[in-house]
Amino acid sequence: MIRIYSTVFILAGFILSTAAISADDVEPPKIENGTLSINITGLRNDRGLVRVALFNSKESFPKGGKEFRKLNVKPDEKEAVVEIRDLPLGEYAVAMYHDENLNNKFNKGFYLIFMEKYGFSNDAKPSMKGPPDFEMARIFLRGEQKTITIKAQ
């Protein structure tokens, strides 16, 4: 009888210690990728496409052909929504323009008069020298989901 009690106590102690170790040692799953949702507001109309480019370095921002990812989306009610999924966590900057006439070019007029709406993450403003610096437009994707809004200028 004593032997049965001893065995039961030993088993109970083992089960409880294993449960305690397991609960403490379990780490939440590590997040390596996330989703960036971009809401674009302030478009002039619903014609054409909104062209969105995502950059992952100051060396590439905002140079055509150097995009980390690029997408096109049809505007609806003078707004557009873009979701970029399975994106590695890190720092990025977004540039966009509304290609109203579908000529695949950002149409500019004479001396910084832009014919089509454009924008950058953080609503960063261009300077007289050109587009904003990467640091001004930089955003951080640190978790599963991040949503930003760009107001087209």
Protein backbone atom coordinates (compact mmCIF):
# COMPACT_ATOMS: atom_id res chain seq x y z
CA MET A 1 0.00 0.00 0.00
CA ILE A 2 2.81 2.40 0.89
CA ARG A 3 4.46 1.51 -2.39
CA ILE A 4 1.31 2.53 -4.35
CA TYR A 5 1.11 5.87 -2.51
CA SER A 6 4.79 6.52 -3.17
CA THR A 7 4.36 5.78 -6.86
CA VAL A 8 1.29 8.04 -7.06
CA PHE A 9 3.11 10.91 -5.32
CA ILE A 10 6.15 10.52 -7.56
CA LEU A 11 3.98 10.48 -10.70
CA ALA A 12 1.94 13.47 -9.50
CA GLY A 13 5.12 15.42 -8.75
CA PHE A 14 6.55 14.57 -12.15
CA ILE A 15 3.36 15.59 -13.97
CA LEU A 16 3.10 18.88 -12.06
CA SER A 17 6.76 19.78 -12.59
CA THR A 18 6.53 18.95 -16.30
CA ALA A 19 3.41 21.10 -16.65
CA ALA A 20 5.10 23.99 -14.86
CA ILE A 21 8.20 23.76 -17.02
CA SER A 22 6.15 23.50 -20.20
CA ALA A 23 4.03 26.53 -19.36
CA ASP A 24 7.08 28.68 -18.59
CA ASP A 25 9.20 27.49 -21.50
CA VAL A 26 6.59 27.92 -24.22
CA GLU A 27 7.38 30.98 -26.34
CA PRO A 28 4.78 32.69 -28.48
CA PRO A 29 5.35 32.08 -32.17
CA LYS A 30 7.82 34.52 -33.67
CA ILE A 31 6.35 36.86 -36.22
CA GLU A 32 8.57 37.23 -39.26
CA ASN A 33 6.12 38.69 -41.77
CA GLY A 34 3.21 41.07 -41.60
CA THR A 35 0.64 42.92 -43.67
CA LEU A 36 0.83 46.60 -44.55
CA SER A 37 -2.52 48.21 -45.36
CA ILE A 38 -2.40 51.56 -47.15
CA ASN A 39 -5.48 53.80 -47.31
CA ILE A 40 -5.15 56.51 -49.95
CA THR A 41 -7.51 59.48 -49.74
CA GLY A 42 -7.94 62.79 -51.53
CA LEU A 43 -7.97 61.55 -55.11
CA ARG A 44 -9.52 63.81 -57.71
CA ASN A 45 -11.65 61.12 -59.40
CA ASP A 46 -12.00 57.37 -60.01
CA ARG A 47 -10.32 57.29 -63.43
CA GLY A 48 -7.16 55.32 -64.15
CA LEU A 49 -5.08 53.50 -61.55
CA VAL A 50 -3.33 54.38 -58.33
CA ARG A 51 0.27 53.19 -58.63
CA VAL A 52 1.89 52.33 -55.32
CA ALA A 53 5.58 51.57 -54.77
CA LEU A 54 7.11 50.21 -51.58
CA PHE A 55 10.80 50.80 -50.89
CA ASN A 56 12.98 49.16 -48.25
CA SER A 57 16.09 51.37 -48.29
CA LYS A 58 17.12 55.00 -48.55
CA GLU A 59 19.32 54.11 -51.53
CA SER A 60 16.31 52.97 -53.57
CA PHE A 61 13.70 55.54 -52.46
CA PRO A 62 11.88 56.67 -54.59
CA LYS A 63 13.65 55.52 -57.74
CA GLY A 64 11.64 53.79 -60.44
CA GLY A 65 12.85 50.26 -61.04
CA LYS A 66 14.23 50.03 -57.48
CA GLU A 67 10.92 49.24 -55.75
CA PHE A 68 10.78 46.39 -53.25
CA ARG A 69 7.15 45.82 -54.27
CA LYS A 70 4.77 47.70 -56.54
CA LEU A 71 1.05 47.43 -57.04
CA ASN A 72 -1.71 49.06 -59.02
CA VAL A 73 -5.24 49.51 -57.74
CA LYS A 74 -8.41 50.98 -59.20
CA PRO A 75 -9.74 53.90 -57.14
CA ASP A 76 -13.26 53.82 -55.78
CA GLU A 77 -15.11 56.90 -54.51
CA LYS A 78 -11.89 58.95 -54.78
CA GLU A 79 -10.03 56.57 -52.49
CA ALA A 80 -7.90 53.45 -52.83
CA VAL A 81 -6.93 50.64 -50.47
CA VAL A 82 -3.83 48.52 -50.94
CA GLU A 83 -2.80 45.50 -48.86
CA ILE A 84 0.71 44.15 -49.08
CA ARG A 85 0.82 40.73 -47.42
CA ASP A 86 3.67 38.47 -46.37
CA LEU A 87 5.99 41.44 -45.96
CA PRO A 88 9.17 40.90 -43.89
CA LEU A 89 9.21 42.99 -40.73
CA GLY A 90 11.37 46.08 -41.12
CA GLU A 91 11.42 49.68 -42.29
CA TYR A 92 9.82 50.92 -45.49
CA ALA A 93 8.70 54.02 -47.33
CA VAL A 94 5.75 54.30 -49.71
CA ALA A 95 5.36 56.50 -52.79
CA MET A 96 2.18 56.67 -54.85
CA TYR A 97 0.64 58.58 -57.73
CA HIS A 98 -2.75 58.56 -59.41
CA ASP A 99 -2.21 57.70 -63.07
CA GLU A 100 -5.51 59.16 -64.25
CA ASN A 101 -4.77 58.88 -67.97
CA LEU A 102 -3.16 55.40 -67.77
CA ASN A 103 0.02 56.46 -69.57
CA ASN A 104 2.19 54.80 -66.86
CA LYS A 105 3.93 58.13 -66.18
CA PHE A 106 3.73 60.68 -63.41
CA ASN A 107 2.67 63.74 -65.42
CA LYS A 108 4.29 67.01 -64.40
CA GLY A 109 3.76 70.43 -65.80
CA PHE A 110 6.13 73.35 -65.82
CA TYR A 111 8.28 73.86 -62.69
CA LEU A 112 6.88 71.65 -59.94
CA ILE A 113 3.29 71.86 -61.12
CA PHE A 114 2.03 68.31 -60.91
CA MET A 115 -0.79 67.24 -63.18
CA GLU A 116 -1.60 64.09 -61.18
CA LYS A 117 -2.07 63.56 -57.46
CA TYR A 118 0.78 61.90 -55.54
CA GLY A 119 1.80 61.14 -51.98
CA PHE A 120 4.25 59.51 -49.62
CA SER A 121 4.00 57.61 -46.36
CA ASN A 122 3.76 59.88 -43.31
CA ASP A 123 2.37 62.45 -45.80
CA ALA A 124 6.00 63.53 -46.25
CA LYS A 125 6.29 66.60 -48.47
CA PRO A 126 8.74 67.01 -51.33
CA SER A 127 11.25 69.84 -51.20
CA MET A 128 12.34 72.20 -53.95
CA LYS A 129 15.14 69.71 -54.67
CA GLY A 130 12.84 66.73 -55.16
CA PRO A 131 11.07 63.98 -53.24
CA PRO A 132 11.29 63.71 -49.46
CA ASP A 133 14.11 61.79 -47.81
CA PHE A 134 13.57 58.15 -46.91
CA GLU A 135 13.74 59.08 -43.21
CA MET A 136 10.80 61.50 -43.58
CA ALA A 137 8.63 58.85 -45.22
CA ARG A 138 9.91 55.87 -43.22
CA ILE A 139 7.43 53.58 -41.51
CA PHE A 140 8.09 50.52 -39.38
CA LEU A 141 6.35 47.18 -39.79
CA ARG A 142 6.95 45.55 -36.40
CA GLY A 143 4.02 43.18 -36.07
CA GLU A 144 1.37 41.25 -37.91
CA GLN A 145 -0.54 44.32 -39.14
CA LYS A 146 0.09 48.00 -39.76
CA THR A 147 -2.30 50.47 -41.39
CA ILE A 148 -1.24 53.84 -42.76
CA THR A 149 -3.09 56.61 -44.58
CA ILE A 150 -1.68 58.72 -47.38
CA LYS A 151 -3.52 61.90 -48.37
CA ALA A 152 -2.90 62.52 -52.05
CA GLN A 153 -1.46 66.02 -52.71
